[in-house]
């Protein structure tokens, strides 16, 4: 049987001044990770290497996201990051600056344990 998802967390991040989609995505991922604690590894003796981590980040310009850099920052498991169209750009009408808002879903999978 294939992997089973055992956790999903969502997060939001932004870059207020630099219009940096990777920075906003990193902050969204960090926000999601702050909501999680995985005592299951200590309880079961499973290795963190058994965990596959799949991250989807939504931004208005997915091509501008450095997915490899984001995957390298994830602390546990075998990570994959994918950027898709989503998030939000908000333009300040007074000065034209753009705030980049990213959303992230962080999913963790383990091989079927049944």
N, C-alpha and C. Protein backbone atom coordinates (compact mmCIF):
# COMPACT_ATOMS: atom_id res chain seq x y z
N UNK A 1 0.84 -1.18 0.00
CA UNK A 1 0.00 0.00 0.00
C UNK A 1 0.89 1.24 0.00
N UNK A 2 0.39 2.36 -0.49
CA UNK A 2 1.17 3.59 -0.58
C UNK A 2 1.26 4.30 0.77
N UNK A 3 1.96 5.41 0.77
CA UNK A 3 2.09 6.21 1.99
C UNK A 3 0.74 6.69 2.47
N UNK A 4 0.67 6.92 3.78
CA UNK A 4 -0.54 7.47 4.39
C UNK A 4 -0.21 8.83 4.97
N UNK A 5 -1.06 9.81 4.68
CA UNK A 5 -0.88 11.13 5.27
C UNK A 5 -1.30 11.08 6.72
N UNK A 6 -0.44 11.57 7.62
CA UNK A 6 -0.79 11.57 9.03
C UNK A 6 -0.84 12.97 9.62
N UNK A 7 -0.44 13.98 8.85
CA UNK A 7 -0.58 15.35 9.33
C UNK A 7 -0.69 16.29 8.14
N UNK A 8 -1.47 17.33 8.31
CA UNK A 8 -1.50 18.45 7.37
C UNK A 8 -1.67 19.72 8.19
N UNK A 9 -0.82 20.68 7.91
CA UNK A 9 -0.87 21.98 8.58
C UNK A 9 -0.85 23.07 7.52
N UNK A 10 -1.53 24.17 7.81
CA UNK A 10 -1.57 25.29 6.90
C UNK A 10 -0.91 26.50 7.53
N UNK A 11 -0.33 27.34 6.68
CA UNK A 11 0.30 28.56 7.17
C UNK A 11 0.19 29.68 6.17
N UNK A 12 0.47 30.89 6.64
CA UNK A 12 0.43 32.08 5.81
C UNK A 12 1.66 32.91 6.11
N UNK A 13 2.24 33.50 5.07
CA UNK A 13 3.40 34.37 5.24
C UNK A 13 3.37 35.47 4.21
N UNK A 14 4.15 36.51 4.47
CA UNK A 14 4.16 37.62 3.53
C UNK A 14 5.53 38.27 3.44
N UNK A 15 5.73 39.03 2.39
CA UNK A 15 6.88 39.92 2.26
C UNK A 15 6.30 41.30 2.00
N UNK A 16 6.50 42.19 2.96
CA UNK A 16 5.86 43.50 2.90
C UNK A 16 6.50 44.46 1.91
N UNK A 17 7.81 44.37 1.69
CA UNK A 17 8.48 45.39 0.89
C UNK A 17 9.29 44.87 -0.28
N UNK A 18 9.79 43.65 -0.20
CA UNK A 18 10.74 43.18 -1.21
C UNK A 18 10.12 42.48 -2.40
N UNK A 19 8.82 42.21 -2.36
CA UNK A 19 8.12 41.46 -3.41
C UNK A 19 8.87 40.16 -3.71
N UNK A 20 9.31 39.48 -2.63
CA UNK A 20 10.08 38.25 -2.74
C UNK A 20 9.17 37.06 -2.44
N UNK A 21 8.82 36.33 -3.49
CA UNK A 21 7.88 35.22 -3.36
C UNK A 21 8.48 34.06 -2.54
N UNK A 22 9.77 33.82 -2.66
CA UNK A 22 10.40 32.76 -1.89
C UNK A 22 10.38 33.10 -0.40
N UNK A 23 10.66 34.36 -0.05
CA UNK A 23 10.63 34.78 1.35
C UNK A 23 9.22 34.64 1.93
N UNK A 24 8.21 35.06 1.18
CA UNK A 24 6.83 34.93 1.65
C UNK A 24 6.46 33.45 1.82
N UNK A 25 6.87 32.61 0.87
CA UNK A 25 6.59 31.18 0.96
C UNK A 25 7.30 30.55 2.16
N UNK A 26 8.55 30.94 2.41
CA UNK A 26 9.29 30.42 3.56
C UNK A 26 8.58 30.78 4.86
N UNK A 27 8.06 31.98 4.94
CA UNK A 27 7.35 32.41 6.14
C UNK A 27 6.04 31.64 6.31
N UNK A 28 5.38 31.33 5.21
CA UNK A 28 4.14 30.53 5.28
C UNK A 28 4.44 29.11 5.77
N UNK A 29 5.54 28.53 5.28
CA UNK A 29 5.93 27.19 5.71
C UNK A 29 6.30 27.20 7.19
N UNK A 30 7.08 28.19 7.61
CA UNK A 30 7.45 28.32 9.03
C UNK A 30 6.21 28.46 9.90
N UNK A 31 5.23 29.22 9.45
CA UNK A 31 3.98 29.39 10.20
C UNK A 31 3.29 28.04 10.37
N UNK A 32 3.23 27.25 9.30
CA UNK A 32 2.59 25.93 9.38
C UNK A 32 3.35 25.02 10.34
N UNK A 33 4.67 25.04 10.27
CA UNK A 33 5.48 24.16 11.13
C UNK A 33 5.34 24.51 12.60
N UNK A 34 5.14 25.78 12.91
CA UNK A 34 4.98 26.20 14.31
C UNK A 34 3.72 25.63 14.94
N UNK A 35 2.80 25.16 14.12
CA UNK A 35 1.55 24.58 14.63
C UNK A 35 1.67 23.08 14.91
N UNK A 36 2.85 22.50 14.66
CA UNK A 36 2.98 21.05 14.71
C UNK A 36 4.01 20.58 15.73
N UNK A 37 3.73 19.43 16.29
CA UNK A 37 4.68 18.69 17.10
C UNK A 37 4.44 17.22 16.79
N UNK A 38 5.51 16.48 16.55
CA UNK A 38 5.37 15.09 16.12
C UNK A 38 6.02 14.14 17.11
N UNK A 39 5.41 13.91 18.27
CA UNK A 39 5.99 12.99 19.24
C UNK A 39 5.91 11.53 18.80
N UNK A 40 5.24 11.27 17.70
CA UNK A 40 5.05 9.92 17.22
C UNK A 40 6.37 9.20 16.94
N UNK A 41 7.40 9.94 16.51
CA UNK A 41 8.68 9.29 16.19
C UNK A 41 9.35 8.74 17.44
N UNK A 42 9.33 9.51 18.51
CA UNK A 42 9.91 9.03 19.76
C UNK A 42 9.07 7.88 20.33
N UNK A 43 7.76 7.98 20.17
CA UNK A 43 6.86 6.96 20.73
C UNK A 43 6.96 5.63 19.99
N UNK A 44 7.23 5.67 18.68
CA UNK A 44 7.23 4.45 17.88
C UNK A 44 8.62 3.95 17.51
N UNK A 45 9.62 4.81 17.65
CA UNK A 45 10.97 4.42 17.24
C UNK A 45 11.20 4.55 15.74
N UNK A 46 10.24 5.11 15.01
CA UNK A 46 10.41 5.31 13.57
C UNK A 46 11.46 6.40 13.33
N UNK A 47 12.19 6.25 12.25
CA UNK A 47 13.16 7.26 11.85
C UNK A 47 12.46 8.41 11.12
N UNK A 48 12.96 9.62 11.32
CA UNK A 48 12.43 10.76 10.58
C UNK A 48 12.63 10.58 9.08
N UNK A 49 13.62 9.78 8.70
CA UNK A 49 13.88 9.54 7.28
C UNK A 49 12.75 8.76 6.61
N UNK A 50 11.92 8.10 7.41
CA UNK A 50 10.78 7.37 6.84
C UNK A 50 9.67 8.31 6.40
N UNK A 51 9.73 9.54 6.87
CA UNK A 51 8.65 10.51 6.59
C UNK A 51 8.91 11.25 5.28
N UNK A 52 7.88 11.31 4.47
CA UNK A 52 7.91 12.12 3.24
C UNK A 52 7.11 13.38 3.53
N UNK A 53 7.72 14.53 3.27
CA UNK A 53 7.07 15.81 3.52
C UNK A 53 6.77 16.46 2.17
N UNK A 54 5.51 16.76 1.97
CA UNK A 54 5.08 17.38 0.71
C UNK A 54 4.52 18.76 1.04
N UNK A 55 5.11 19.79 0.45
CA UNK A 55 4.70 21.16 0.72
C UNK A 55 4.17 21.77 -0.57
N UNK A 56 3.01 22.40 -0.48
CA UNK A 56 2.46 23.15 -1.59
C UNK A 56 2.31 24.59 -1.14
N UNK A 57 2.94 25.50 -1.89
CA UNK A 57 2.82 26.92 -1.58
C UNK A 57 2.08 27.61 -2.71
N UNK A 58 1.17 28.50 -2.34
CA UNK A 58 0.41 29.26 -3.32
C UNK A 58 0.85 30.71 -3.32
N UNK A 59 1.29 31.18 -4.48
CA UNK A 59 1.69 32.58 -4.67
C UNK A 59 1.20 33.03 -6.05
N UNK A 60 1.15 34.31 -6.26
CA UNK A 60 0.70 34.83 -7.54
C UNK A 60 1.68 34.55 -8.68
N UNK A 61 2.97 34.38 -8.37
CA UNK A 61 3.97 34.09 -9.39
C UNK A 61 4.77 32.85 -9.00
N UNK A 62 4.22 31.65 -9.24
CA UNK A 62 4.89 30.41 -8.82
C UNK A 62 6.30 30.24 -9.40
N UNK A 63 6.53 30.77 -10.58
CA UNK A 63 7.85 30.65 -11.22
C UNK A 63 8.93 31.38 -10.44
N UNK A 64 8.55 32.35 -9.61
CA UNK A 64 9.51 33.15 -8.86
C UNK A 64 9.93 32.50 -7.54
N UNK A 65 9.41 31.32 -7.23
CA UNK A 65 9.71 30.65 -5.97
C UNK A 65 10.86 29.66 -6.17
N UNK A 66 11.85 29.72 -5.29
CA UNK A 66 12.98 28.78 -5.32
C UNK A 66 12.59 27.58 -4.46
N UNK A 67 11.94 26.60 -5.08
CA UNK A 67 11.43 25.43 -4.36
C UNK A 67 12.55 24.60 -3.75
N UNK A 68 13.68 24.49 -4.43
CA UNK A 68 14.80 23.70 -3.90
C UNK A 68 15.34 24.32 -2.61
N UNK A 69 15.44 25.63 -2.56
CA UNK A 69 15.92 26.31 -1.35
C UNK A 69 14.95 26.09 -0.20
N UNK A 70 13.66 26.14 -0.49
CA UNK A 70 12.66 25.92 0.56
C UNK A 70 12.72 24.48 1.08
N UNK A 71 12.86 23.52 0.18
CA UNK A 71 12.93 22.11 0.59
C UNK A 71 14.16 21.87 1.46
N UNK A 72 15.26 22.52 1.14
CA UNK A 72 16.50 22.34 1.91
C UNK A 72 16.37 22.85 3.34
N UNK A 73 15.45 23.77 3.60
CA UNK A 73 15.27 24.34 4.93
C UNK A 73 14.36 23.49 5.83
N UNK A 74 13.66 22.52 5.26
CA UNK A 74 12.74 21.73 6.08
C UNK A 74 13.53 20.82 7.01
N UNK A 75 13.16 20.79 8.29
CA UNK A 75 14.01 20.15 9.30
C UNK A 75 13.98 18.63 9.34
N UNK A 76 12.95 17.99 8.83
CA UNK A 76 12.82 16.54 8.97
C UNK A 76 12.28 15.93 7.68
N UNK A 77 12.59 14.66 7.48
CA UNK A 77 11.99 13.89 6.40
C UNK A 77 12.58 14.19 5.04
N UNK A 78 12.01 13.53 4.05
CA UNK A 78 12.38 13.73 2.64
C UNK A 78 11.39 14.73 2.07
N UNK A 79 11.87 15.94 1.77
CA UNK A 79 10.97 17.04 1.44
C UNK A 79 10.88 17.32 -0.05
N UNK A 80 9.67 17.65 -0.46
CA UNK A 80 9.39 18.12 -1.82
C UNK A 80 8.55 19.38 -1.67
N UNK A 81 8.89 20.43 -2.44
CA UNK A 81 8.13 21.67 -2.40
C UNK A 81 7.66 21.97 -3.82
N UNK A 82 6.40 22.34 -3.93
CA UNK A 82 5.80 22.70 -5.21
C UNK A 82 5.12 24.05 -5.06
N UNK A 83 5.34 24.95 -6.00
CA UNK A 83 4.68 26.25 -6.00
C UNK A 83 3.55 26.23 -7.04
N UNK A 84 2.40 26.75 -6.64
CA UNK A 84 1.24 26.79 -7.52
C UNK A 84 0.65 28.21 -7.49
N UNK A 85 -0.18 28.49 -8.44
CA UNK A 85 -0.87 29.79 -8.49
C UNK A 85 -1.81 29.90 -7.31
N UNK A 86 -1.69 30.97 -6.56
CA UNK A 86 -2.52 31.19 -5.38
C UNK A 86 -2.04 32.42 -4.66
N UNK A 87 -2.23 32.44 -3.36
CA UNK A 87 -1.79 33.59 -2.58
C UNK A 87 -2.46 34.87 -3.04
N UNK A 88 -1.78 35.97 -2.80
CA UNK A 88 -2.39 37.27 -3.09
C UNK A 88 -1.31 38.33 -3.18
N UNK A 89 -1.44 39.23 -4.12
CA UNK A 89 -0.63 40.43 -4.18
C UNK A 89 -1.55 41.60 -3.87
N UNK A 90 -1.11 42.48 -2.96
CA UNK A 90 -1.90 43.64 -2.59
C UNK A 90 -1.06 44.88 -2.88
N UNK A 91 -1.57 45.76 -3.73
CA UNK A 91 -0.84 46.97 -4.10
C UNK A 91 -1.32 48.14 -3.26
N UNK A 92 -0.34 48.87 -2.71
CA UNK A 92 -0.65 50.09 -1.97
C UNK A 92 -0.95 51.18 -3.00
N UNK A 93 -2.17 51.72 -3.01
CA UNK A 93 -2.52 52.71 -4.03
C UNK A 93 -1.77 54.04 -3.87
N UNK A 94 -1.21 54.27 -2.70
CA UNK A 94 -0.51 55.54 -2.47
C UNK A 94 0.89 55.57 -3.07
N UNK A 95 1.58 54.41 -3.02
CA UNK A 95 2.96 54.42 -3.51
C UNK A 95 3.29 53.29 -4.49
N UNK A 96 2.34 52.41 -4.76
CA UNK A 96 2.55 51.35 -5.74
C UNK A 96 3.31 50.14 -5.24
N UNK A 97 3.75 50.11 -3.97
CA UNK A 97 4.45 48.93 -3.46
C UNK A 97 3.49 47.75 -3.39
N UNK A 98 4.05 46.57 -3.57
CA UNK A 98 3.24 45.35 -3.59
C UNK A 98 3.60 44.48 -2.40
N UNK A 99 2.59 44.08 -1.65
CA UNK A 99 2.75 43.11 -0.57
C UNK A 99 2.44 41.74 -1.15
N UNK A 100 3.37 40.81 -0.97
CA UNK A 100 3.21 39.44 -1.46
C UNK A 100 2.73 38.57 -0.29
N UNK A 101 1.62 37.89 -0.48
CA UNK A 101 1.07 37.00 0.53
C UNK A 101 1.07 35.58 -0.02
N UNK A 102 1.64 34.65 0.75
CA UNK A 102 1.72 33.25 0.34
C UNK A 102 0.95 32.39 1.33
N UNK A 103 0.40 31.31 0.83
CA UNK A 103 -0.21 30.29 1.70
C UNK A 103 0.54 28.99 1.48
N UNK A 104 0.56 28.16 2.54
CA UNK A 104 1.29 26.89 2.44
C UNK A 104 0.50 25.78 3.10
N UNK A 105 0.56 24.61 2.50
CA UNK A 105 0.06 23.38 3.10
C UNK A 105 1.25 22.44 3.24
N UNK A 106 1.51 22.00 4.47
CA UNK A 106 2.60 21.07 4.75
C UNK A 106 1.99 19.75 5.14
N UNK A 107 2.26 18.72 4.34
CA UNK A 107 1.71 17.39 4.58
C UNK A 107 2.85 16.42 4.89
N UNK A 108 2.61 15.54 5.84
CA UNK A 108 3.61 14.51 6.17
C UNK A 108 2.99 13.14 5.95
N UNK A 109 3.77 12.26 5.34
CA UNK A 109 3.33 10.92 5.00
C UNK A 109 4.31 9.89 5.56
N UNK A 110 3.78 8.75 5.96
CA UNK A 110 4.61 7.61 6.36
C UNK A 110 4.13 6.38 5.59
N UNK A 111 5.03 5.41 5.40
CA UNK A 111 4.58 4.15 4.79
C UNK A 111 3.45 3.55 5.65
N UNK A 112 2.55 2.85 5.00
CA UNK A 112 1.43 2.21 5.69
C UNK A 112 1.97 1.35 6.84
N UNK A 113 1.41 1.54 8.03
CA UNK A 113 1.89 0.84 9.22
C UNK A 113 0.98 -0.32 9.64
N UNK A 114 -0.11 -0.54 8.89
CA UNK A 114 -1.10 -1.53 9.26
C UNK A 114 -0.60 -2.90 9.33
